[in-house]
Amino acid sequence: MTPTQLRAFHLVARESSFTRAARSLRVTQPTLSAQVKALEDTYGVRLFERRGRGVALTELGDALFVL
């Protein structure tokens, strides 16, 4: 887990949107999505439920966000 991946996760969780989080970080949405996907793939988990234009935290994602 890198600081960049953790920052990406936290902003997506806070904003409930990859697009808004990417805008906040001044990166592209695909870059941010790749950072979160790499984090999920590294640990074999899903942190977000992707829902159309928004996202919701999974139970595990919610536990990580609280930390």
PDB file of N, CA and C in Angstrom:
ATOM      1  N   MET A   1       0.865  -1.165   0.000  1.00  0.00           N
ATOM      2  CA  MET A   1       0.000   0.000   0.000  1.00  0.00           C
ATOM      3  C   MET A   1       0.915   1.233   0.000  1.00  0.00           C
ATOM      4  N   THR A   2       0.713   2.071  -0.985  1.00  0.00           N
ATOM      5  CA  THR A   2       1.517   3.289  -1.057  1.00  0.00           C
ATOM      6  C   THR A   2       0.710   4.472  -0.526  1.00  0.00           C
ATOM      7  N   PRO A   3       1.399   5.523  -0.114  1.00  0.00           N
ATOM      8  CA  PRO A   3       0.677   6.721   0.317  1.00  0.00           C
ATOM      9  C   PRO A   3      -0.232   7.273  -0.786  1.00  0.00           C
ATOM     10  N   THR A   4       0.205   7.175  -2.024  1.00  0.00           N
ATOM     11  CA  THR A   4      -0.608   7.658  -3.149  1.00  0.00           C
ATOM     12  C   THR A   4      -1.896   6.854  -3.269  1.00  0.00           C
ATOM     13  N   GLN A   5      -1.800   5.538  -3.141  1.00  0.00           N
ATOM     14  CA  GLN A   5      -2.990   4.687  -3.218  1.00  0.00           C
ATOM     15  C   GLN A   5      -3.933   4.967  -2.054  1.00  0.00           C
ATOM     16  N   LEU A   6      -3.377   5.133  -0.869  1.00  0.00           N
ATOM     17  CA  LEU A   6      -4.208   5.405   0.303  1.00  0.00           C
ATOM     18  C   LEU A   6      -4.898   6.761   0.183  1.00  0.00           C
ATOM     19  N   ARG A   7      -4.184   7.753  -0.312  1.00  0.00           N
ATOM     20  CA  ARG A   7      -4.773   9.087  -0.532  1.00  0.00           C
ATOM     21  C   ARG A   7      -5.896   8.996  -1.561  1.00  0.00           C
ATOM     22  N   ALA A   8      -5.663   8.246  -2.641  1.00  0.00           N
ATOM     23  CA  ALA A   8      -6.686   8.078  -3.675  1.00  0.00           C
ATOM     24  C   ALA A   8      -7.932   7.424  -3.083  1.00  0.00           C
ATOM     25  N   PHE A   9      -7.731   6.342  -2.322  1.00  0.00           N
ATOM     26  CA  PHE A   9      -8.865   5.666  -1.691  1.00  0.00           C
ATOM     27  C   PHE A   9      -9.649   6.629  -0.800  1.00  0.00           C
ATOM     28  N   HIS A  10      -8.933   7.351   0.048  1.00  0.00           N
ATOM     29  CA  HIS A  10      -9.582   8.234   1.011  1.00  0.00           C
ATOM     30  C   HIS A  10     -10.422   9.309   0.315  1.00  0.00           C
ATOM     31  N   LEU A  11      -9.890   9.922  -0.726  1.00  0.00           N
ATOM     32  CA  LEU A  11     -10.649  10.976  -1.411  1.00  0.00           C
ATOM     33  C   LEU A  11     -11.853  10.424  -2.156  1.00  0.00           C
ATOM     34  N   VAL A  12     -11.700   9.254  -2.781  1.00  0.00           N
ATOM     35  CA  VAL A  12     -12.861   8.649  -3.456  1.00  0.00           C
ATOM     36  C   VAL A  12     -13.930   8.317  -2.422  1.00  0.00           C
ATOM     37  N   ALA A  13     -13.518   7.783  -1.277  1.00  0.00           N
ATOM     38  CA  ALA A  13     -14.480   7.457  -0.217  1.00  0.00           C
ATOM     39  C   ALA A  13     -15.167   8.721   0.289  1.00  0.00           C
ATOM     40  N   ARG A  14     -14.411   9.775   0.493  1.00  0.00           N
ATOM     41  CA  ARG A  14     -14.982  11.019   1.019  1.00  0.00           C
ATOM     42  C   ARG A  14     -15.928  11.673   0.016  1.00  0.00           C
ATOM     43  N   GLU A  15     -15.552  11.659  -1.254  1.00  0.00           N
ATOM     44  CA  GLU A  15     -16.343  12.319  -2.297  1.00  0.00           C
ATOM     45  C   GLU A  15     -17.441  11.429  -2.884  1.00  0.00           C
ATOM     46  N   SER A  16     -17.364  10.119  -2.643  1.00  0.00           N
ATOM     47  CA  SER A  16     -18.281   9.140  -3.262  1.00  0.00           C
ATOM     48  C   SER A  16     -18.272   9.250  -4.773  1.00  0.00           C
ATOM     49  N   SER A  17     -17.110   9.613  -5.319  1.00  0.00           N
ATOM     50  CA  SER A  17     -16.999   9.805  -6.765  1.00  0.00           C
ATOM     51  C   SER A  17     -15.532   9.796  -7.170  1.00  0.00           C
ATOM     52  N   PHE A  18     -15.211   8.980  -8.170  1.00  0.00           N
ATOM     53  CA  PHE A  18     -13.857   8.990  -8.715  1.00  0.00           C
ATOM     54  C   PHE A  18     -13.584  10.314  -9.425  1.00  0.00           C
ATOM     55  N   THR A  19     -14.572  10.828 -10.113  1.00  0.00           N
ATOM     56  CA  THR A  19     -14.391  12.066 -10.872  1.00  0.00           C
ATOM     57  C   THR A  19     -14.107  13.245  -9.954  1.00  0.00           C
ATOM     58  N   ARG A  20     -14.907  13.417  -8.920  1.00  0.00           N
ATOM     59  CA  ARG A  20     -14.688  14.537  -7.992  1.00  0.00           C
ATOM     60  C   ARG A  20     -13.369  14.387  -7.239  1.00  0.00           C
ATOM     61  N   ALA A  21     -13.037  13.163  -6.857  1.00  0.00           N
ATOM     62  CA  ALA A  21     -11.771  12.928  -6.161  1.00  0.00           C
ATOM     63  C   ALA A  21     -10.589  13.241  -7.073  1.00  0.00           C
ATOM     64  N   ALA A  22     -10.682  12.847  -8.331  1.00  0.00           N
ATOM     65  CA  ALA A  22      -9.606  13.138  -9.285  1.00  0.00           C
ATOM     66  C   ALA A  22      -9.446  14.640  -9.456  1.00  0.00           C
ATOM     67  N   ARG A  23     -10.553  15.328  -9.529  1.00  0.00           N
ATOM     68  CA  ARG A  23     -10.504  16.794  -9.657  1.00  0.00           C
ATOM     69  C   ARG A  23      -9.808  17.407  -8.437  1.00  0.00           C
ATOM     70  N   SER A  24     -10.111  16.910  -7.252  1.00  0.00           N
ATOM     71  CA  SER A  24      -9.491  17.416  -6.025  1.00  0.00           C
ATOM     72  C   SER A  24      -7.983  17.211  -6.017  1.00  0.00           C
ATOM     73  N   LEU A  25      -7.553  16.069  -6.554  1.00  0.00           N
ATOM     74  CA  LEU A  25      -6.125  15.749  -6.584  1.00  0.00           C
ATOM     75  C   LEU A  25      -5.411  16.309  -7.817  1.00  0.00           C
ATOM     76  N   ARG A  26      -6.205  16.864  -8.727  1.00  0.00           N
ATOM     77  CA  ARG A  26      -5.671  17.387  -9.986  1.00  0.00           C
ATOM     78  C   ARG A  26      -4.963  16.304 -10.810  1.00  0.00           C
ATOM     79  N   VAL A  27      -5.622  15.144 -10.877  1.00  0.00           N
ATOM     80  CA  VAL A  27      -5.175  14.055 -11.739  1.00  0.00           C
ATOM     81  C   VAL A  27      -6.366  13.619 -12.581  1.00  0.00           C
ATOM     82  N   THR A  28      -6.111  12.795 -13.578  1.00  0.00           N
ATOM     83  CA  THR A  28      -7.219  12.318 -14.403  1.00  0.00           C
ATOM     84  C   THR A  28      -7.962  11.204 -13.674  1.00  0.00           C
ATOM     85  N   GLN A  29      -9.210  11.027 -14.043  1.00  0.00           N
ATOM     86  CA  GLN A  29     -10.023   9.977 -13.425  1.00  0.00           C
ATOM     87  C   GLN A  29      -9.423   8.585 -13.693  1.00  0.00           C
ATOM     88  N   PRO A  30      -8.933   8.293 -14.916  1.00  0.00           N
ATOM     89  CA  PRO A  30      -8.322   6.972 -15.124  1.00  0.00           C
ATOM     90  C   PRO A  30      -7.084   6.735 -14.243  1.00  0.00           C
ATOM     91  N   THR A  31      -6.317   7.778 -13.981  1.00  0.00           N
ATOM     92  CA  THR A  31      -5.153   7.650 -13.104  1.00  0.00           C
ATOM     93  C   THR A  31      -5.594   7.286 -11.697  1.00  0.00           C
ATOM     94  N   LEU A  32      -6.595   7.970 -11.208  1.00  0.00           N
ATOM     95  CA  LEU A  32      -7.110   7.705  -9.866  1.00  0.00           C
ATOM     96  C   LEU A  32      -7.715   6.304  -9.788  1.00  0.00           C
ATOM     97  N   SER A  33      -8.469   5.924 -10.789  1.00  0.00           N
ATOM     98  CA  SER A  33      -9.068   4.584 -10.820  1.00  0.00           C
ATOM     99  C   SER A  33      -7.991   3.509 -10.797  1.00  0.00           C
ATOM    100  N   ALA A  34      -6.914   3.733 -11.518  1.00  0.00           N
ATOM    101  CA  ALA A  34      -5.812   2.766 -11.557  1.00  0.00           C
ATOM    102  C   ALA A  34      -5.151   2.639 -10.187  1.00  0.00           C
ATOM    103  N   GLN A  35      -5.022   3.746  -9.468  1.00  0.00           N
ATOM    104  CA  GLN A  35      -4.424   3.706  -8.131  1.00  0.00           C
ATOM    105  C   GLN A  35      -5.287   2.891  -7.178  1.00  0.00           C
ATOM    106  N   VAL A  36      -6.595   3.103  -7.217  1.00  0.00           N
ATOM    107  CA  VAL A  36      -7.504   2.356  -6.340  1.00  0.00           C
ATOM    108  C   VAL A  36      -7.548   0.891  -6.757  1.00  0.00           C
ATOM    109  N   LYS A  37      -7.573   0.623  -8.054  1.00  0.00           N
ATOM    110  CA  LYS A  37      -7.594  -0.759  -8.545  1.00  0.00           C
ATOM    111  C   LYS A  37      -6.326  -1.495  -8.124  1.00  0.00           C
ATOM    112  N   ALA A  38      -5.182  -0.824  -8.210  1.00  0.00           N
ATOM    113  CA  ALA A  38      -3.922  -1.449  -7.794  1.00  0.00           C
ATOM    114  C   ALA A  38      -3.971  -1.808  -6.310  1.00  0.00           C
ATOM    115  N   LEU A  39      -4.539  -0.946  -5.501  1.00  0.00           N
ATOM    116  CA  LEU A  39      -4.683  -1.211  -4.075  1.00  0.00           C
ATOM    117  C   LEU A  39      -5.588  -2.430  -3.850  1.00  0.00           C
ATOM    118  N   GLU A  40      -6.717  -2.452  -4.540  1.00  0.00           N
ATOM    119  CA  GLU A  40      -7.647  -3.582  -4.415  1.00  0.00           C
ATOM    120  C   GLU A  40      -7.006  -4.880  -4.904  1.00  0.00           C
ATOM    121  N   ASP A  41      -6.311  -4.820  -6.028  1.00  0.00           N
ATOM    122  CA  ASP A  41      -5.688  -6.021  -6.592  1.00  0.00           C
ATOM    123  C   ASP A  41      -4.561  -6.555  -5.710  1.00  0.00           C
ATOM    124  N   THR A  42      -3.791  -5.660  -5.129  1.00  0.00           N
ATOM    125  CA  THR A  42      -2.680  -6.077  -4.270  1.00  0.00           C
ATOM    126  C   THR A  42      -3.164  -6.933  -3.106  1.00  0.00           C
ATOM    127  N   TYR A  43      -4.291  -6.544  -2.525  1.00  0.00           N
ATOM    128  CA  TYR A  43      -4.807  -7.253  -1.356  1.00  0.00           C
ATOM    129  C   TYR A  43      -5.972  -8.194  -1.677  1.00  0.00           C
ATOM    130  N   GLY A  44      -6.371  -8.249  -2.950  1.00  0.00           N
ATOM    131  CA  GLY A  44      -7.460  -9.146  -3.353  1.00  0.00           C
ATOM    132  C   GLY A  44      -8.787  -8.810  -2.711  1.00  0.00           C
ATOM    133  N   VAL A  45      -9.085  -7.498  -2.624  1.00  0.00           N
ATOM    134  CA  VAL A  45     -10.317  -7.044  -1.980  1.00  0.00           C
ATOM    135  C   VAL A  45     -11.051  -6.060  -2.883  1.00  0.00           C
ATOM    136  N   ARG A  46     -12.303  -5.818  -2.535  1.00  0.00           N
ATOM    137  CA  ARG A  46     -13.079  -4.749  -3.175  1.00  0.00           C
ATOM    138  C   ARG A  46     -13.393  -3.722  -2.106  1.00  0.00           C
ATOM    139  N   LEU A  47     -12.994  -2.491  -2.358  1.00  0.00           N
ATOM    140  CA  LEU A  47     -13.218  -1.424  -1.392  1.00  0.00           C
ATOM    141  C   LEU A  47     -14.445  -0.590  -1.738  1.00  0.00           C
ATOM    142  N   PHE A  48     -14.863  -0.646  -3.007  1.00  0.00           N
ATOM    143  CA  PHE A  48     -16.004   0.144  -3.472  1.00  0.00           C
ATOM    144  C   PHE A  48     -16.955  -0.704  -4.287  1.00  0.00           C
ATOM    145  N   GLU A  49     -18.230  -0.384  -4.167  1.00  0.00           N
ATOM    146  CA  GLU A  49     -19.259  -0.882  -5.075  1.00  0.00           C
ATOM    147  C   GLU A  49     -19.435   0.212  -6.112  1.00  0.00           C
ATOM    148  N   ARG A  50     -19.141  -0.097  -7.348  1.00  0.00           N
ATOM    149  CA  ARG A  50     -19.305   0.900  -8.406  1.00  0.00           C
ATOM    150  C   ARG A  50     -20.768   0.900  -8.830  1.00  0.00           C
ATOM    151  N   ARG A  51     -21.389   2.084  -8.805  1.00  0.00           N
ATOM    152  CA  ARG A  51     -22.822   2.222  -9.123  1.00  0.00           C
ATOM    153  C   ARG A  51     -23.016   3.361 -10.096  1.00  0.00           C
ATOM    154  N   GLY A  52     -23.075   3.042 -11.360  1.00  0.00           N
ATOM    155  CA  GLY A  52     -23.280   4.084 -12.358  1.00  0.00           C
ATOM    156  C   GLY A  52     -22.246   5.179 -12.224  1.00  0.00           C
ATOM    157  N   ARG A  53     -22.691   6.370 -11.878  1.00  0.00           N
ATOM    158  CA  ARG A  53     -21.772   7.501 -11.746  1.00  0.00           C
ATOM    159  C   ARG A  53     -21.208   7.667 -10.340  1.00  0.00           C
ATOM    160  N   GLY A  54     -21.694   6.886  -9.403  1.00  0.00           N
ATOM    161  CA  GLY A  54     -21.228   7.027  -8.035  1.00  0.00           C
ATOM    162  C   GLY A  54     -20.619   5.737  -7.520  1.00  0.00           C
ATOM    163  N   VAL A  55     -20.117   5.810  -6.321  1.00  0.00           N
ATOM    164  CA  VAL A  55     -19.562   4.630  -5.675  1.00  0.00           C
ATOM    165  C   VAL A  55     -20.016   4.619  -4.217  1.00  0.00           C
ATOM    166  N   ALA A  56     -20.022   3.439  -3.657  1.00  0.00           N
ATOM    167  CA  ALA A  56     -20.328   3.277  -2.238  1.00  0.00           C
ATOM    168  C   ALA A  56     -19.267   2.359  -1.655  1.00  0.00           C
ATOM    169  N   LEU A  57     -18.910   2.602  -0.430  1.00  0.00           N
ATOM    170  CA  LEU A  57     -17.929   1.762   0.235  1.00  0.00           C
ATOM    171  C   LEU A  57     -18.502   0.374   0.515  1.00  0.00           C
ATOM    172  N   THR A  58     -17.667  -0.641   0.348  1.00  0.00           N
ATOM    173  CA  THR A  58     -18.028  -1.969   0.821  1.00  0.00           C
ATOM    174  C   THR A  58     -17.829  -1.985   2.329  1.00  0.00           C
ATOM    175  N   GLU A  59     -18.180  -3.050   2.971  1.00  0.00           N
ATOM    176  CA  GLU A  59     -17.977  -3.154   4.414  1.00  0.00           C
ATOM    177  C   GLU A  59     -16.494  -2.998   4.752  1.00  0.00           C
ATOM    178  N   LEU A  60     -15.645  -3.656   3.970  1.00  0.00           N
ATOM    179  CA  LEU A  60     -14.207  -3.553   4.198  1.00  0.00           C
ATOM    180  C   LEU A  60     -13.707  -2.141   3.916  1.00  0.00           C
ATOM    181  N   GLY A  61     -14.206  -1.522   2.857  1.00  0.00           N
ATOM    182  CA  GLY A  61     -13.825  -0.151   2.540  1.00  0.00           C
ATOM    183  C   GLY A  61     -14.226   0.796   3.650  1.00  0.00           C
ATOM    184  N   ASP A  62     -15.393   0.569   4.214  1.00  0.00           N
ATOM    185  CA  ASP A  62     -15.855   1.410   5.314  1.00  0.00           C
ATOM    186  C   ASP A  62     -14.938   1.267   6.532  1.00  0.00           C
ATOM    187  N   ALA A  63     -14.500   0.041   6.803  1.00  0.00           N
ATOM    188  CA  ALA A  63     -13.596  -0.186   7.932  1.00  0.00           C
ATOM    189  C   ALA A  63     -12.262   0.523   7.704  1.00  0.00           C
ATOM    190  N   LEU A  64     -11.751   0.495   6.489  1.00  0.00           N
ATOM    191  CA  LEU A  64     -10.498   1.179   6.183  1.00  0.00           C
ATOM    192  C   LEU A  64     -10.669   2.680   6.250  1.00  0.00           C
ATOM    193  N   PHE A  65     -11.786   3.189   5.799  1.00  0.00           N
ATOM    194  CA  PHE A  65     -12.027   4.642   5.798  1.00  0.00           C
ATOM    195  C   PHE A  65     -12.076   5.185   7.229  1.00  0.00           C
ATOM    196  N   VAL A  66     -12.611   4.424   8.154  1.00  0.00           N
ATOM    197  CA  VAL A  66     -12.714   4.849   9.549  1.00  0.00           C
ATOM    198  C   VAL A  66     -11.325   4.993  10.169  1.00  0.00           C
ATOM    199  N   LEU A  67     -10.383   4.161   9.730  1.00  0.00           N
ATOM    200  CA  LEU A  67      -9.024   4.232  10.277  1.00  0.00           C
ATOM    201  C   LEU A  67      -8.419   5.532   9.863  1.00  0.00           C
TER     202      LEU A  67
END
